[in-house]
């Protein structure tokens, strides 16, 4: 815990220094000096300009599929903020409801892993390496699980099942939990990018929907403890949203990687599947069973799996 505390303190200090530099810049001061009726249109215009540059560059370099995949990963990440919105009105929710939401998220992720990553991944692998596709995808799964295992070991964080624990009573521990959510959002975003990178638009859309659905309870899990400690509810929602915005980074990496280097597509799909299975088994399911009454979560998991399976079939 000493290493985790030191690392968190260093991170927070660097964040504060960065914010201080931004706030002291003459551009920031000039912007804040504007009347609100001018300031917000200016901010919005700058944001639109930045997005035009980003998406235009991606389109010119990689084509339409990369732009669509990156945009889908952004929307999936923003679902974390949508899930945090109830924190504007409530400081806590019942354990049964929270476990059911997490169970449904686990079911959605399981179905997405099976039908949107592993099944098409095996198909692509068998086309490239007839008879050996299963071993290629399995290797990718092991690499994905090991990646999160070592990230879990090296980066300071608090596990998901601490979110409802009374020991999670300090801002520092909540920040460690937020770091954990951010770590796990990266491979989820990457899975969306990899799926679009395969060239199958429908499969990419299905997986993006799945990731968005499972991000909703994660956003709530981040925002509620912050509100409980007296953080402004809107700020708590903003922090929760930021944890999901690491997904476009993973999405962009995944989609450009498999678009440029097509032969790694089956390994990349296996990697994303292995990472998602690791999160389900290591974080989500243990949390839904940690307080008893796991039956709610079990049926919610089955419901989430069925809904995602039907959705995948309808959009196939």
Protein backbone atom coordinates (compact mmCIF):
# COMPACT_ATOMS: atom_id res chain seq x y z
CA UNK A 1 0.00 0.00 0.00
CA UNK A 2 3.02 2.29 0.51
CA UNK A 3 3.89 2.05 -3.17
CA UNK A 4 0.27 2.65 -4.14
CA UNK A 5 0.04 5.71 -1.91
CA UNK A 6 3.29 7.14 -3.23
CA UNK A 7 2.26 6.53 -6.85
CA UNK A 8 -1.15 8.09 -6.30
CA UNK A 9 0.33 11.14 -4.58
CA UNK A 10 2.78 11.57 -7.47
CA UNK A 11 -0.04 11.28 -9.99
CA UNK A 12 -2.19 13.81 -8.15
CA UNK A 13 0.73 16.24 -7.84
CA UNK A 14 1.47 16.01 -11.56
CA UNK A 15 -2.22 16.49 -12.34
CA UNK A 16 -2.37 19.58 -10.13
CA UNK A 17 0.80 20.97 -11.72
CA UNK A 18 -0.63 20.43 -15.18
CA UNK A 19 -3.90 22.13 -14.27
CA UNK A 20 -1.95 24.99 -12.74
CA UNK A 21 0.01 25.52 -15.95
CA UNK A 22 -3.18 25.53 -18.00
CA UNK A 23 -4.92 28.00 -15.68
CA UNK A 24 -1.91 30.33 -15.68
CA UNK A 25 -1.65 30.47 -19.46
CA UNK A 26 -2.71 33.72 -21.13
CA UNK A 27 -5.06 31.85 -23.51
CA UNK A 28 -6.97 30.32 -20.60
CA UNK A 29 -7.15 33.66 -18.77
CA UNK A 30 -8.33 35.41 -21.92
CA UNK A 31 -11.02 32.77 -22.40
CA UNK A 32 -12.23 33.01 -18.80
CA UNK A 33 -12.34 36.82 -19.07
CA UNK A 34 -14.97 36.58 -21.80
CA UNK A 35 -18.66 37.01 -20.88
CA UNK A 36 -20.42 33.63 -20.66
CA UNK A 37 -22.45 34.40 -23.79
CA UNK A 38 -19.16 34.55 -25.74
CA UNK A 39 -17.12 32.04 -23.75
CA UNK A 40 -19.25 28.93 -24.23
CA UNK A 41 -19.76 29.35 -28.00
CA UNK A 42 -15.97 29.83 -28.25
CA UNK A 43 -15.27 26.66 -26.26
CA UNK A 44 -17.80 24.73 -28.33
CA UNK A 45 -16.31 26.06 -31.57
CA UNK A 46 -12.77 25.09 -30.50
CA UNK A 47 -14.02 21.63 -29.57
CA UNK A 48 -15.70 21.16 -32.94
CA UNK A 49 -12.56 22.36 -34.71
CA UNK A 50 -10.40 19.90 -32.80
CA UNK A 51 -12.76 17.04 -33.65
CA UNK A 52 -12.76 18.04 -37.31
CA UNK A 53 -8.96 17.93 -37.35
CA UNK A 54 -8.83 14.57 -35.55
CA UNK A 55 -11.51 12.81 -37.59
CA UNK A 56 -10.37 14.39 -40.84
CA UNK A 57 -6.81 13.21 -40.27
CA UNK A 58 -8.00 9.69 -39.44
CA UNK A 59 -10.17 9.59 -42.56
CA UNK A 60 -7.32 10.70 -44.81
CA UNK A 61 -4.82 8.30 -43.26
CA UNK A 62 -6.91 5.17 -42.68
CA UNK A 63 -10.35 5.54 -44.29
CA UNK A 64 -13.96 5.56 -43.19
CA UNK A 65 -13.94 2.41 -41.04
CA UNK A 66 -11.36 3.89 -38.65
CA UNK A 67 -13.39 7.10 -38.23
CA UNK A 68 -16.58 5.15 -37.51
CA UNK A 69 -14.82 2.81 -35.09
CA UNK A 70 -13.15 5.66 -33.20
CA UNK A 71 -16.47 7.51 -32.94
CA UNK A 72 -18.19 4.35 -31.68
CA UNK A 73 -15.54 3.88 -29.00
CA UNK A 74 -16.07 7.50 -27.89
CA UNK A 75 -19.82 6.91 -27.54
CA UNK A 76 -19.19 3.68 -25.62
CA UNK A 77 -16.87 5.54 -23.25
CA UNK A 78 -19.38 8.37 -22.73
CA UNK A 79 -21.89 5.79 -21.50
CA UNK A 80 -19.88 5.79 -18.27
CA UNK A 81 -21.03 9.37 -17.75
CA UNK A 82 -24.61 8.41 -18.54
CA UNK A 83 -24.44 5.73 -15.86
CA UNK A 84 -23.17 8.30 -13.36
CA UNK A 85 -26.16 10.65 -13.83
CA UNK A 86 -28.27 9.11 -10.99
CA UNK A 87 -25.56 10.42 -8.62
CA UNK A 88 -27.04 13.88 -9.26
CA UNK A 89 -30.16 12.79 -7.36
CA UNK A 90 -29.09 9.96 -5.02
CA UNK A 91 -26.14 9.36 -2.71
CA UNK A 92 -26.63 5.60 -2.65
CA UNK A 93 -28.71 2.80 -4.15
CA UNK A 94 -29.67 -0.61 -2.79
CA UNK A 95 -27.17 -3.47 -2.97
CA UNK A 96 -29.71 -5.64 -4.79
CA UNK A 97 -30.18 -3.08 -7.57
CA UNK A 98 -26.45 -2.44 -7.90
CA UNK A 99 -25.66 -6.18 -8.01
CA UNK A 100 -28.35 -6.69 -10.63
CA UNK A 101 -26.88 -3.92 -12.78
CA UNK A 102 -23.40 -5.42 -12.47
CA UNK A 103 -24.74 -8.90 -13.19
CA UNK A 104 -26.44 -7.66 -16.35
CA UNK A 105 -23.20 -5.95 -17.36
CA UNK A 106 -21.32 -9.23 -16.88
CA UNK A 107 -23.86 -11.08 -19.02
CA UNK A 108 -23.61 -8.50 -21.79
CA UNK A 109 -19.81 -8.71 -21.73
CA UNK A 110 -19.84 -12.52 -21.78
CA UNK A 111 -22.13 -12.60 -24.82
CA UNK A 112 -20.09 -9.92 -26.58
CA UNK A 113 -16.88 -11.81 -25.86
CA UNK A 114 -18.29 -15.04 -27.26
CA UNK A 115 -20.28 -13.84 -30.29
CA UNK A 116 -18.53 -10.61 -31.27
CA UNK A 117 -14.89 -11.50 -30.58
CA UNK A 118 -14.20 -15.23 -30.28
CA UNK A 119 -16.51 -16.56 -33.01
CA UNK A 120 -15.40 -14.10 -35.73
CA UNK A 121 -11.82 -14.30 -34.44
CA UNK A 122 -11.80 -18.05 -34.98
CA UNK A 123 -13.25 -17.55 -38.46
CA UNK A 124 -10.50 -15.12 -39.47
CA UNK A 125 -7.81 -17.29 -37.89
CA UNK A 126 -8.92 -20.43 -39.73
CA UNK A 127 -8.89 -18.52 -43.00
CA UNK A 128 -5.29 -17.41 -42.42
CA UNK A 129 -4.00 -20.55 -40.71
CA UNK A 130 -6.30 -23.48 -41.65
CA UNK A 131 -6.51 -26.00 -38.85
CA UNK A 132 -4.53 -23.87 -36.41
CA UNK A 133 -6.92 -20.97 -35.86
CA UNK A 134 -8.00 -22.14 -32.41
CA UNK A 135 -4.41 -22.03 -31.16
CA UNK A 136 -3.81 -18.52 -32.51
CA UNK A 137 -6.93 -17.13 -30.83
CA UNK A 138 -6.14 -19.01 -27.61
CA UNK A 139 -2.68 -17.45 -27.58
CA UNK A 140 -4.24 -14.02 -27.96
CA UNK A 141 -6.60 -14.72 -25.04
CA UNK A 142 -3.72 -15.70 -22.78
CA UNK A 143 -1.77 -12.57 -23.75
CA UNK A 144 -4.83 -10.39 -23.00
CA UNK A 145 -5.35 -11.98 -19.57
CA UNK A 146 -1.65 -11.70 -18.71
CA UNK A 147 -1.62 -8.06 -19.78
CA UNK A 148 -4.33 -7.19 -17.27
CA UNK A 149 -2.74 -9.44 -14.65
CA UNK A 150 0.54 -7.51 -14.78
CA UNK A 151 -1.27 -4.17 -15.02
CA UNK A 152 -3.17 -5.19 -11.89
CA UNK A 153 0.09 -5.98 -10.14
CA UNK A 154 2.08 -2.92 -11.17
CA UNK A 155 -0.44 -0.06 -11.06
CA UNK A 156 -1.89 1.14 -7.73
CA UNK A 157 -5.63 0.61 -7.43
CA UNK A 158 -8.47 -0.74 -5.31
CA UNK A 159 -10.49 -3.70 -6.60
CA UNK A 160 -14.07 -3.39 -7.79
CA UNK A 161 -15.46 -5.27 -4.79
CA UNK A 162 -14.29 -2.45 -2.48
CA UNK A 163 -16.76 0.03 -3.94
CA UNK A 164 -19.49 -0.84 -1.45
CA UNK A 165 -17.09 -1.61 1.40
CA UNK A 166 -17.17 0.77 4.36
CA UNK A 167 -13.37 0.79 4.28
CA UNK A 168 -13.62 2.78 1.06
CA UNK A 169 -14.12 5.93 3.09
CA UNK A 170 -11.29 8.16 1.96
CA UNK A 171 -10.84 10.21 -1.18
CA UNK A 172 -7.46 8.57 -1.73
CA UNK A 173 -8.95 5.07 -1.80
CA UNK A 174 -11.69 6.20 -4.14
CA UNK A 175 -9.05 7.58 -6.50
CA UNK A 176 -7.33 4.19 -6.41
CA UNK A 177 -10.64 2.61 -7.39
CA UNK A 178 -11.07 5.13 -10.21
CA UNK A 179 -7.61 4.17 -11.50
CA UNK A 180 -8.73 0.52 -11.52
CA UNK A 181 -11.79 1.36 -13.62
CA UNK A 182 -9.60 3.33 -16.02
CA UNK A 183 -7.14 0.42 -16.37
CA UNK A 184 -9.94 -1.97 -17.28
CA UNK A 185 -11.61 0.43 -19.71
CA UNK A 186 -8.58 0.46 -22.01
CA UNK A 187 -8.90 -3.14 -23.32
CA UNK A 188 -12.66 -2.70 -23.58
CA UNK A 189 -12.15 0.23 -25.92
CA UNK A 190 -9.52 -1.78 -27.76
CA UNK A 191 -12.03 -4.57 -28.33
CA UNK A 192 -14.38 -2.12 -30.07
CA UNK A 193 -11.57 -0.89 -32.29
CA UNK A 194 -10.40 -4.39 -33.15
CA UNK A 195 -13.95 -5.40 -34.04
CA UNK A 196 -14.36 -2.46 -36.44
CA UNK A 197 -10.87 -3.10 -37.79
CA UNK A 198 -12.04 -6.50 -38.99
CA UNK A 199 -14.18 -4.67 -41.55
CA UNK A 200 -17.46 -6.04 -40.15
CA UNK A 201 -19.44 -2.88 -39.35
CA UNK A 202 -22.39 -4.72 -37.80
CA UNK A 203 -20.17 -6.71 -35.47
CA UNK A 204 -18.41 -3.51 -34.42
CA UNK A 205 -21.72 -1.78 -33.67
CA UNK A 206 -22.92 -4.73 -31.57
CA UNK A 207 -19.72 -4.77 -29.52
CA UNK A 208 -19.81 -0.99 -29.04
CA UNK A 209 -23.38 -1.30 -27.71
CA UNK A 210 -22.28 -4.09 -25.38
CA UNK A 211 -19.41 -2.05 -23.97
CA UNK A 212 -21.67 0.99 -23.57
CA UNK A 213 -24.23 -1.06 -21.62
CA UNK A 214 -21.66 -2.49 -19.24
CA UNK A 215 -20.10 0.96 -18.71
CA UNK A 216 -23.33 2.26 -17.16
CA UNK A 217 -22.99 0.55 -13.74
CA UNK A 218 -19.26 1.34 -13.74
CA UNK A 219 -20.04 5.05 -14.03
CA UNK A 220 -22.47 4.77 -11.13
CA UNK A 221 -19.86 2.91 -9.07
CA UNK A 222 -17.39 5.76 -9.57
CA UNK A 223 -19.77 8.68 -8.96
CA UNK A 224 -21.69 7.51 -5.89
CA UNK A 225 -18.70 7.22 -3.50
CA UNK A 226 -17.49 10.65 -4.59
CA UNK A 227 -20.88 12.22 -3.89
CA UNK A 228 -20.98 10.41 -0.55
CA UNK A 229 -17.75 12.19 0.43
CA UNK A 230 -19.23 15.59 -0.38
CA UNK A 231 -17.86 16.05 -3.90
CA UNK A 232 -20.10 18.21 -6.08
CA UNK A 233 -22.43 15.80 -7.97
CA UNK A 234 -21.70 17.38 -11.35
CA UNK A 235 -17.97 17.07 -10.72
CA UNK A 236 -18.45 13.42 -9.72
CA UNK A 237 -20.29 12.79 -12.99
CA UNK A 238 -17.47 14.52 -14.86
CA UNK A 239 -14.81 12.35 -13.18
CA UNK A 240 -16.80 9.20 -13.98
CA UNK A 241 -17.08 10.29 -17.60
CA UNK A 242 -13.33 10.83 -17.83
CA UNK A 243 -12.66 7.25 -16.68
CA UNK A 244 -14.58 6.06 -19.75
CA UNK A 245 -12.77 8.35 -22.16
CA UNK A 246 -9.68 6.14 -22.05
CA UNK A 247 -11.70 3.76 -24.23
CA UNK A 248 -11.33 5.84 -27.43
CA UNK A 249 -7.56 5.65 -26.91
CA UNK A 250 -7.73 1.86 -26.81
CA UNK A 251 -10.25 1.87 -29.65
CA UNK A 252 -8.03 3.97 -31.90
CA UNK A 253 -5.02 1.79 -31.13
CA UNK A 254 -6.95 -1.40 -31.83
CA UNK A 255 -8.56 -0.31 -35.07
CA UNK A 256 -5.43 1.24 -36.61
CA UNK A 257 -3.31 -1.71 -35.55
CA UNK A 258 -5.46 -4.36 -37.20
CA UNK A 259 -6.20 -2.16 -40.21
CA UNK A 260 -2.51 -1.66 -40.98
CA UNK A 261 -1.40 -5.16 -39.90
CA UNK A 262 -4.30 -7.40 -40.94
CA UNK A 263 -2.58 -10.72 -40.02
CA UNK A 264 -2.67 -9.83 -36.31
CA UNK A 265 -6.48 -9.49 -36.34
CA UNK A 266 -7.22 -12.98 -34.87
CA UNK A 267 -4.62 -12.50 -32.12
CA UNK A 268 -5.99 -9.02 -31.37
CA UNK A 269 -9.56 -10.35 -31.11
CA UNK A 270 -8.34 -13.10 -28.80
CA UNK A 271 -6.44 -10.50 -26.75
CA UNK A 272 -9.57 -8.37 -26.32
CA UNK A 273 -11.65 -11.44 -25.41
CA UNK A 274 -9.10 -12.61 -22.83
CA UNK A 275 -8.88 -9.17 -21.25
CA UNK A 276 -12.67 -8.90 -21.01
CA UNK A 277 -13.00 -12.37 -19.48
CA UNK A 278 -10.33 -11.41 -16.95
CA UNK A 279 -12.35 -8.34 -15.90
CA UNK A 280 -15.57 -10.35 -15.64
CA UNK A 281 -14.03 -13.08 -13.48
CA UNK A 282 -11.67 -10.92 -11.43
CA UNK A 283 -13.83 -7.88 -10.74
CA UNK A 284 -17.50 -8.00 -11.69
CA UNK A 285 -18.73 -11.45 -10.65
CA UNK A 286 -16.91 -11.41 -7.26
CA UNK A 287 -18.54 -8.05 -6.49
CA UNK A 288 -22.04 -9.36 -7.28
CA UNK A 289 -21.49 -12.28 -4.88
CA UNK A 290 -19.71 -10.39 -2.10
CA UNK A 291 -22.79 -9.30 -0.12
CA UNK A 292 -24.96 -12.40 -0.39
CA UNK A 293 -28.23 -12.53 -2.31
CA UNK A 294 -26.32 -13.30 -5.48
CA UNK A 295 -29.46 -14.76 -7.09
CA UNK A 296 -30.47 -11.28 -8.31
CA UNK A 297 -27.12 -10.93 -10.06
CA UNK A 298 -27.30 -14.46 -11.48
CA UNK A 299 -30.65 -13.91 -13.20
CA UNK A 300 -29.55 -10.44 -14.31
CA UNK A 301 -26.42 -11.98 -15.86
CA UNK A 302 -28.55 -14.47 -17.77
CA UNK A 303 -30.89 -11.68 -18.90
CA UNK A 304 -27.95 -9.56 -20.06
CA UNK A 305 -26.45 -12.50 -21.94
CA UNK A 306 -29.76 -13.32 -23.67
CA UNK A 307 -30.44 -9.68 -24.64
CA UNK A 308 -26.95 -9.33 -26.10
CA UNK A 309 -27.23 -12.68 -27.91
CA UNK A 310 -30.53 -11.62 -29.49
CA UNK A 311 -29.10 -8.22 -30.44
CA UNK A 312 -26.07 -9.83 -32.04
CA UNK A 313 -28.31 -12.18 -34.01
CA UNK A 314 -30.61 -9.35 -35.19
CA UNK A 315 -27.75 -7.19 -36.39
CA UNK A 316 -25.73 -10.02 -37.93
